[in-house]
């Protein structure tokens, strides 16, 4: 289940994929859910809702951590989880991207 309240799931600016995550961090609707898991669910939601599309690049770990004002390990762990779930892919020498369906 996606752990997002309706106001955070709507109105996402496609040009700035981290903005929705920032709004989620500021509101912390689910204080009992680890921030890493909230980030995983938020990014997965953006992919499911096609706000992030196949082949679209994500910010680097450090860049997204800086924008969200969270520790880079939190972002790194979230990205790793999304790669394990096959939502994201990284080819050698390339930025992390939303996986293109086969």
C-alpha atoms as a PDB file:
ATOM      1  CA  UNK A   1       0.000   0.000   0.000  1.00  0.00           C
ATOM      2  CA  UNK A   2       1.193   3.477  -0.817  1.00  0.00           C
ATOM      3  CA  UNK A   3       1.575   5.465   2.390  1.00  0.00           C
ATOM      4  CA  UNK A   4       0.506   8.854   1.069  1.00  0.00           C
ATOM      5  CA  UNK A   5      -2.344  11.167   1.961  1.00  0.00           C
ATOM      6  CA  UNK A   6      -4.325  12.449  -1.014  1.00  0.00           C
ATOM      7  CA  UNK A   7      -2.962  16.034  -0.921  1.00  0.00           C
ATOM      8  CA  UNK A   8       0.587  14.740  -1.349  1.00  0.00           C
ATOM      9  CA  UNK A   9      -0.357  12.424  -4.175  1.00  0.00           C
ATOM     10  CA  UNK A  10      -1.790  15.260  -6.276  1.00  0.00           C
ATOM     11  CA  UNK A  11      -0.324  18.291  -7.979  1.00  0.00           C
ATOM     12  CA  UNK A  12       3.210  16.969  -8.434  1.00  0.00           C
ATOM     13  CA  UNK A  13       5.364  19.152 -10.679  1.00  0.00           C
ATOM     14  CA  UNK A  14       6.884  16.723 -13.200  1.00  0.00           C
ATOM     15  CA  UNK A  15       9.889  18.990 -13.760  1.00  0.00           C
ATOM     16  CA  UNK A  16      10.943  18.620 -10.122  1.00  0.00           C
ATOM     17  CA  UNK A  17      10.481  15.008  -8.932  1.00  0.00           C
ATOM     18  CA  UNK A  18      11.946  15.761  -5.512  1.00  0.00           C
ATOM     19  CA  UNK A  19       9.363  18.438  -4.674  1.00  0.00           C
ATOM     20  CA  UNK A  20       6.705  15.866  -3.840  1.00  0.00           C
ATOM     21  CA  UNK A  21       9.133  14.059  -1.538  1.00  0.00           C
ATOM     22  CA  UNK A  22       9.985  17.361   0.161  1.00  0.00           C
ATOM     23  CA  UNK A  23       6.296  17.996   0.804  1.00  0.00           C
ATOM     24  CA  UNK A  24       5.983  14.495   2.228  1.00  0.00           C
ATOM     25  CA  UNK A  25       8.976  15.033   4.537  1.00  0.00           C
ATOM     26  CA  UNK A  26       7.596  18.322   5.805  1.00  0.00           C
ATOM     27  CA  UNK A  27       4.201  16.856   6.613  1.00  0.00           C
ATOM     28  CA  UNK A  28       5.423  13.546   8.090  1.00  0.00           C
ATOM     29  CA  UNK A  29       1.938  12.090   8.018  1.00  0.00           C
ATOM     30  CA  UNK A  30       3.227   8.672   9.096  1.00  0.00           C
ATOM     31  CA  UNK A  31       5.678   9.337  11.954  1.00  0.00           C
ATOM     32  CA  UNK A  32       5.786   5.610  12.828  1.00  0.00           C
ATOM     33  CA  UNK A  33       6.957   4.662   9.314  1.00  0.00           C
ATOM     34  CA  UNK A  34      10.716   4.968   8.722  1.00  0.00           C
ATOM     35  CA  UNK A  35      11.627   7.873   6.460  1.00  0.00           C
ATOM     36  CA  UNK A  36      13.446   5.477   4.095  1.00  0.00           C
ATOM     37  CA  UNK A  37      10.239   3.497   3.608  1.00  0.00           C
ATOM     38  CA  UNK A  38       8.206   6.675   3.085  1.00  0.00           C
ATOM     39  CA  UNK A  39      10.673   7.720   0.374  1.00  0.00           C
ATOM     40  CA  UNK A  40      10.455   4.286  -1.291  1.00  0.00           C
ATOM     41  CA  UNK A  41       6.661   4.458  -1.304  1.00  0.00           C
ATOM     42  CA  UNK A  42       6.648   8.053  -2.577  1.00  0.00           C
ATOM     43  CA  UNK A  43       8.957   7.306  -5.509  1.00  0.00           C
ATOM     44  CA  UNK A  44       7.028   4.114  -6.328  1.00  0.00           C
ATOM     45  CA  UNK A  45       3.809   6.138  -6.284  1.00  0.00           C
ATOM     46  CA  UNK A  46       5.305   8.691  -8.687  1.00  0.00           C
ATOM     47  CA  UNK A  47       6.251   5.864 -11.051  1.00  0.00           C
ATOM     48  CA  UNK A  48       2.855   4.141 -10.806  1.00  0.00           C
ATOM     49  CA  UNK A  49       1.060   7.436 -11.401  1.00  0.00           C
ATOM     50  CA  UNK A  50       3.381   8.131 -14.377  1.00  0.00           C
ATOM     51  CA  UNK A  51       4.678  11.356 -12.870  1.00  0.00           C
ATOM     52  CA  UNK A  52       8.098   9.714 -13.250  1.00  0.00           C
ATOM     53  CA  UNK A  53       8.276   7.904 -16.575  1.00  0.00           C
ATOM     54  CA  UNK A  54      10.409   5.047 -17.908  1.00  0.00           C
ATOM     55  CA  UNK A  55      13.905   6.246 -18.737  1.00  0.00           C
ATOM     56  CA  UNK A  56      13.584   9.395 -16.626  1.00  0.00           C
ATOM     57  CA  UNK A  57      16.660  10.154 -14.516  1.00  0.00           C
ATOM     58  CA  UNK A  58      16.480  10.583 -10.761  1.00  0.00           C
ATOM     59  CA  UNK A  59      18.637  13.016  -8.794  1.00  0.00           C
ATOM     60  CA  UNK A  60      21.865  11.638  -7.374  1.00  0.00           C
ATOM     61  CA  UNK A  61      21.768  10.313  -3.829  1.00  0.00           C
ATOM     62  CA  UNK A  62      23.588  13.325  -2.428  1.00  0.00           C
ATOM     63  CA  UNK A  63      21.561  15.818  -4.463  1.00  0.00           C
ATOM     64  CA  UNK A  64      18.212  14.406  -3.355  1.00  0.00           C
ATOM     65  CA  UNK A  65      19.434  14.164   0.259  1.00  0.00           C
ATOM     66  CA  UNK A  66      20.504  17.813   0.129  1.00  0.00           C
ATOM     67  CA  UNK A  67      17.170  18.916  -1.349  1.00  0.00           C
ATOM     68  CA  UNK A  68      15.171  16.927   1.187  1.00  0.00           C
ATOM     69  CA  UNK A  69      17.493  17.811   4.059  1.00  0.00           C
ATOM     70  CA  UNK A  70      17.879  14.176   5.080  1.00  0.00           C
ATOM     71  CA  UNK A  71      20.921  11.937   5.462  1.00  0.00           C
ATOM     72  CA  UNK A  72      22.320  10.565   2.209  1.00  0.00           C
ATOM     73  CA  UNK A  73      22.221   7.002   3.618  1.00  0.00           C
ATOM     74  CA  UNK A  74      18.426   7.276   3.803  1.00  0.00           C
ATOM     75  CA  UNK A  75      18.215   8.121   0.107  1.00  0.00           C
ATOM     76  CA  UNK A  76      20.814   5.486  -0.798  1.00  0.00           C
ATOM     77  CA  UNK A  77      18.888   2.782   1.054  1.00  0.00           C
ATOM     78  CA  UNK A  78      15.616   3.864  -0.579  1.00  0.00           C
ATOM     79  CA  UNK A  79      17.198   3.770  -4.044  1.00  0.00           C
ATOM     80  CA  UNK A  80      18.684   0.316  -3.304  1.00  0.00           C
ATOM     81  CA  UNK A  81      15.277  -0.978  -2.265  1.00  0.00           C
ATOM     82  CA  UNK A  82      13.688   0.410  -5.437  1.00  0.00           C
ATOM     83  CA  UNK A  83      16.411  -1.264  -7.527  1.00  0.00           C
ATOM     84  CA  UNK A  84      15.753  -4.590  -5.757  1.00  0.00           C
ATOM     85  CA  UNK A  85      12.057  -4.178  -6.544  1.00  0.00           C
ATOM     86  CA  UNK A  86      13.044  -3.475 -10.166  1.00  0.00           C
ATOM     87  CA  UNK A  87      11.490   0.019 -10.242  1.00  0.00           C
ATOM     88  CA  UNK A  88      14.863   1.657 -10.943  1.00  0.00           C
ATOM     89  CA  UNK A  89      17.927   0.695 -12.952  1.00  0.00           C
ATOM     90  CA  UNK A  90      21.473   1.984 -13.253  1.00  0.00           C
ATOM     91  CA  UNK A  91      23.801   1.015 -16.061  1.00  0.00           C
ATOM     92  CA  UNK A  92      27.547   1.526 -15.565  1.00  0.00           C
ATOM     93  CA  UNK A  93      28.481   5.178 -16.005  1.00  0.00           C
ATOM     94  CA  UNK A  94      24.864   6.358 -16.102  1.00  0.00           C
ATOM     95  CA  UNK A  95      22.513   8.124 -13.721  1.00  0.00           C
ATOM     96  CA  UNK A  96      19.825   6.082 -11.916  1.00  0.00           C
ATOM     97  CA  UNK A  97      16.689   5.887 -14.074  1.00  0.00           C
ATOM     98  CA  UNK A  98      13.129   4.665 -13.911  1.00  0.00           C
ATOM     99  CA  UNK A  99      13.169   1.170 -15.370  1.00  0.00           C
ATOM    100  CA  UNK A 100      11.679   0.704 -18.822  1.00  0.00           C
ATOM    101  CA  UNK A 101       9.196  -2.201 -18.905  1.00  0.00           C
ATOM    102  CA  UNK A 102      10.433  -5.174 -20.914  1.00  0.00           C
END
